[in-house]
Amino acid sequence: MSITAHLSSLETKHRTIETEIVQELSRPKADTVKLKALKQKKLAIKDTITKIKGRETPESLH
């Protein structure tokens, strides 16, 4: 998998988790344990995205 495809996949997962968080928060009694787990997962993905983008070079995008 190319770096660009990997980044795209991670960004999609990040957006999906954000949607799950919003849905959980809209519930009358949001599951705080589930929210914490989702937020941790989202942060881990964001950290990975940031690391990958930090070491990108024009040659590595292909």
N, C-alpha and C. Protein backbone atom coordinates (compact mmCIF):
# COMPACT_ATOMS: atom_id res chain seq x y z
N MET A 1 0.85 -1.18 0.00
CA MET A 1 0.00 0.00 0.00
C MET A 1 0.90 1.24 0.00
N SER A 2 0.59 2.18 -0.87
CA SER A 2 1.38 3.40 -0.93
C SER A 2 1.09 4.27 0.30
N ILE A 3 1.97 5.20 0.55
CA ILE A 3 1.79 6.10 1.70
C ILE A 3 0.52 6.91 1.52
N THR A 4 0.26 7.36 0.31
CA THR A 4 -0.94 8.16 0.04
C THR A 4 -2.20 7.35 0.33
N ALA A 5 -2.23 6.11 -0.10
CA ALA A 5 -3.38 5.24 0.16
C ALA A 5 -3.53 4.96 1.65
N HIS A 6 -2.42 4.75 2.32
CA HIS A 6 -2.45 4.50 3.76
C HIS A 6 -3.00 5.72 4.51
N LEU A 7 -2.52 6.91 4.13
CA LEU A 7 -3.02 8.14 4.74
C LEU A 7 -4.51 8.31 4.50
N SER A 8 -4.94 8.04 3.31
CA SER A 8 -6.35 8.15 2.96
C SER A 8 -7.19 7.21 3.82
N SER A 9 -6.71 6.00 3.98
CA SER A 9 -7.40 5.02 4.81
C SER A 9 -7.49 5.47 6.27
N LEU A 10 -6.39 5.98 6.79
CA LEU A 10 -6.38 6.47 8.17
C LEU A 10 -7.32 7.66 8.34
N GLU A 11 -7.32 8.56 7.38
CA GLU A 11 -8.20 9.73 7.46
C GLU A 11 -9.67 9.32 7.41
N THR A 12 -9.98 8.31 6.63
CA THR A 12 -11.35 7.79 6.58
C THR A 12 -11.74 7.20 7.93
N LYS A 13 -10.85 6.41 8.52
CA LYS A 13 -11.11 5.83 9.84
C LYS A 13 -11.30 6.93 10.88
N HIS A 14 -10.49 7.97 10.79
CA HIS A 14 -10.57 9.10 11.73
C HIS A 14 -11.95 9.76 11.64
N ARG A 15 -12.43 9.99 10.42
CA ARG A 15 -13.75 10.60 10.23
C ARG A 15 -14.87 9.68 10.72
N THR A 16 -14.72 8.39 10.48
CA THR A 16 -15.72 7.43 10.93
C THR A 16 -15.83 7.43 12.45
N ILE A 17 -14.70 7.45 13.12
CA ILE A 17 -14.71 7.47 14.58
C ILE A 17 -15.33 8.77 15.09
N GLU A 18 -15.03 9.88 14.43
CA GLU A 18 -15.64 11.16 14.82
C GLU A 18 -17.16 11.07 14.72
N THR A 19 -17.66 10.45 13.67
CA THR A 19 -19.10 10.26 13.51
C THR A 19 -19.66 9.41 14.64
N GLU A 20 -18.96 8.35 14.99
CA GLU A 20 -19.39 7.48 16.10
C GLU A 20 -19.44 8.26 17.41
N ILE A 21 -18.47 9.12 17.63
CA ILE A 21 -18.43 9.94 18.85
C ILE A 21 -19.64 10.87 18.89
N VAL A 22 -19.91 11.54 17.80
CA VAL A 22 -21.05 12.45 17.73
C VAL A 22 -22.35 11.69 17.98
N GLN A 23 -22.49 10.53 17.37
CA GLN A 23 -23.69 9.72 17.57
C GLN A 23 -23.85 9.31 19.03
N GLU A 24 -22.76 8.90 19.64
CA GLU A 24 -22.82 8.48 21.04
C GLU A 24 -23.18 9.67 21.94
N LEU A 25 -22.62 10.83 21.65
CA LEU A 25 -22.91 12.01 22.46
C LEU A 25 -24.36 12.47 22.31
N SER A 26 -24.99 12.13 21.20
CA SER A 26 -26.38 12.54 20.98
C SER A 26 -27.37 11.66 21.74
N ARG A 27 -26.91 10.56 22.25
CA ARG A 27 -27.78 9.67 23.04
C ARG A 27 -28.07 10.31 24.39
N PRO A 28 -29.26 10.07 24.94
CA PRO A 28 -29.60 10.64 26.24
C PRO A 28 -28.61 10.26 27.35
N LYS A 29 -28.17 9.01 27.34
CA LYS A 29 -27.18 8.57 28.33
C LYS A 29 -25.99 7.97 27.59
N ALA A 30 -25.10 8.85 27.19
CA ALA A 30 -23.93 8.41 26.43
C ALA A 30 -23.07 7.48 27.28
N ASP A 31 -22.54 6.46 26.66
CA ASP A 31 -21.67 5.50 27.32
C ASP A 31 -20.27 6.12 27.43
N THR A 32 -19.92 6.56 28.63
CA THR A 32 -18.64 7.26 28.82
C THR A 32 -17.44 6.35 28.57
N VAL A 33 -17.57 5.08 28.86
CA VAL A 33 -16.47 4.14 28.61
C VAL A 33 -16.24 4.00 27.10
N LYS A 34 -17.33 3.87 26.37
CA LYS A 34 -17.23 3.76 24.91
C LYS A 34 -16.65 5.05 24.33
N LEU A 35 -17.12 6.20 24.84
CA LEU A 35 -16.61 7.48 24.36
C LEU A 35 -15.11 7.61 24.59
N LYS A 36 -14.67 7.21 25.76
CA LYS A 36 -13.24 7.29 26.08
C LYS A 36 -12.43 6.43 25.12
N ALA A 37 -12.91 5.21 24.87
CA ALA A 37 -12.21 4.30 23.97
C ALA A 37 -12.17 4.87 22.54
N LEU A 38 -13.29 5.42 22.09
CA LEU A 38 -13.34 6.00 20.75
C LEU A 38 -12.38 7.18 20.63
N LYS A 39 -12.37 8.03 21.65
CA LYS A 39 -11.49 9.20 21.62
C LYS A 39 -10.02 8.80 21.63
N GLN A 40 -9.69 7.76 22.40
CA GLN A 40 -8.30 7.28 22.43
C GLN A 40 -7.89 6.71 21.07
N LYS A 41 -8.81 5.96 20.46
CA LYS A 41 -8.54 5.38 19.14
C LYS A 41 -8.37 6.50 18.10
N LYS A 42 -9.25 7.50 18.17
CA LYS A 42 -9.17 8.63 17.24
C LYS A 42 -7.84 9.36 17.40
N LEU A 43 -7.42 9.58 18.64
CA LEU A 43 -6.15 10.26 18.89
C LEU A 43 -4.96 9.45 18.38
N ALA A 44 -5.00 8.15 18.57
CA ALA A 44 -3.91 7.29 18.09
C ALA A 44 -3.81 7.36 16.57
N ILE A 45 -4.95 7.37 15.89
CA ILE A 45 -4.95 7.47 14.43
C ILE A 45 -4.41 8.84 14.01
N LYS A 46 -4.84 9.88 14.69
CA LYS A 46 -4.37 11.23 14.38
C LYS A 46 -2.85 11.33 14.57
N ASP A 47 -2.34 10.73 15.63
CA ASP A 47 -0.89 10.72 15.86
C ASP A 47 -0.16 10.01 14.73
N THR A 48 -0.71 8.90 14.27
CA THR A 48 -0.09 8.17 13.16
C THR A 48 -0.10 9.01 11.89
N ILE A 49 -1.22 9.66 11.62
CA ILE A 49 -1.32 10.53 10.45
C ILE A 49 -0.26 11.62 10.52
N THR A 50 -0.13 12.25 11.67
CA THR A 50 0.83 13.34 11.86
C THR A 50 2.26 12.84 11.65
N LYS A 51 2.58 11.67 12.18
CA LYS A 51 3.93 11.11 12.00
C LYS A 51 4.22 10.83 10.54
N ILE A 52 3.26 10.25 9.85
CA ILE A 52 3.47 9.93 8.44
C ILE A 52 3.64 11.21 7.63
N LYS A 53 2.79 12.19 7.87
CA LYS A 53 2.89 13.45 7.13
C LYS A 53 4.20 14.17 7.43
N GLY A 54 4.72 13.99 8.64
CA GLY A 54 5.96 14.62 9.02
C GLY A 54 7.19 14.06 8.31
N ARG A 55 7.09 12.83 7.87
CA ARG A 55 8.26 12.25 7.20
C ARG A 55 8.05 12.08 5.69
N GLU A 56 6.98 12.67 5.17
CA GLU A 56 6.71 12.60 3.73
C GLU A 56 7.75 13.40 2.95
N THR A 57 8.11 12.87 1.82
CA THR A 57 8.91 13.60 0.85
C THR A 57 8.19 13.43 -0.49
N PRO A 58 8.42 14.31 -1.43
CA PRO A 58 7.74 14.17 -2.73
C PRO A 58 7.94 12.79 -3.37
N GLU A 59 9.12 12.20 -3.20
CA GLU A 59 9.36 10.88 -3.79
C GLU A 59 8.57 9.79 -3.09
N SER A 60 8.30 9.95 -1.80
CA SER A 60 7.62 8.88 -1.05
C SER A 60 6.12 8.86 -1.28
N LEU A 61 5.59 9.82 -2.00
CA LEU A 61 4.16 9.87 -2.25
C LEU A 61 3.71 8.93 -3.37
N HIS A 62 4.66 8.30 -4.03
CA HIS A 62 4.31 7.44 -5.16
C HIS A 62 4.56 6.00 -4.87
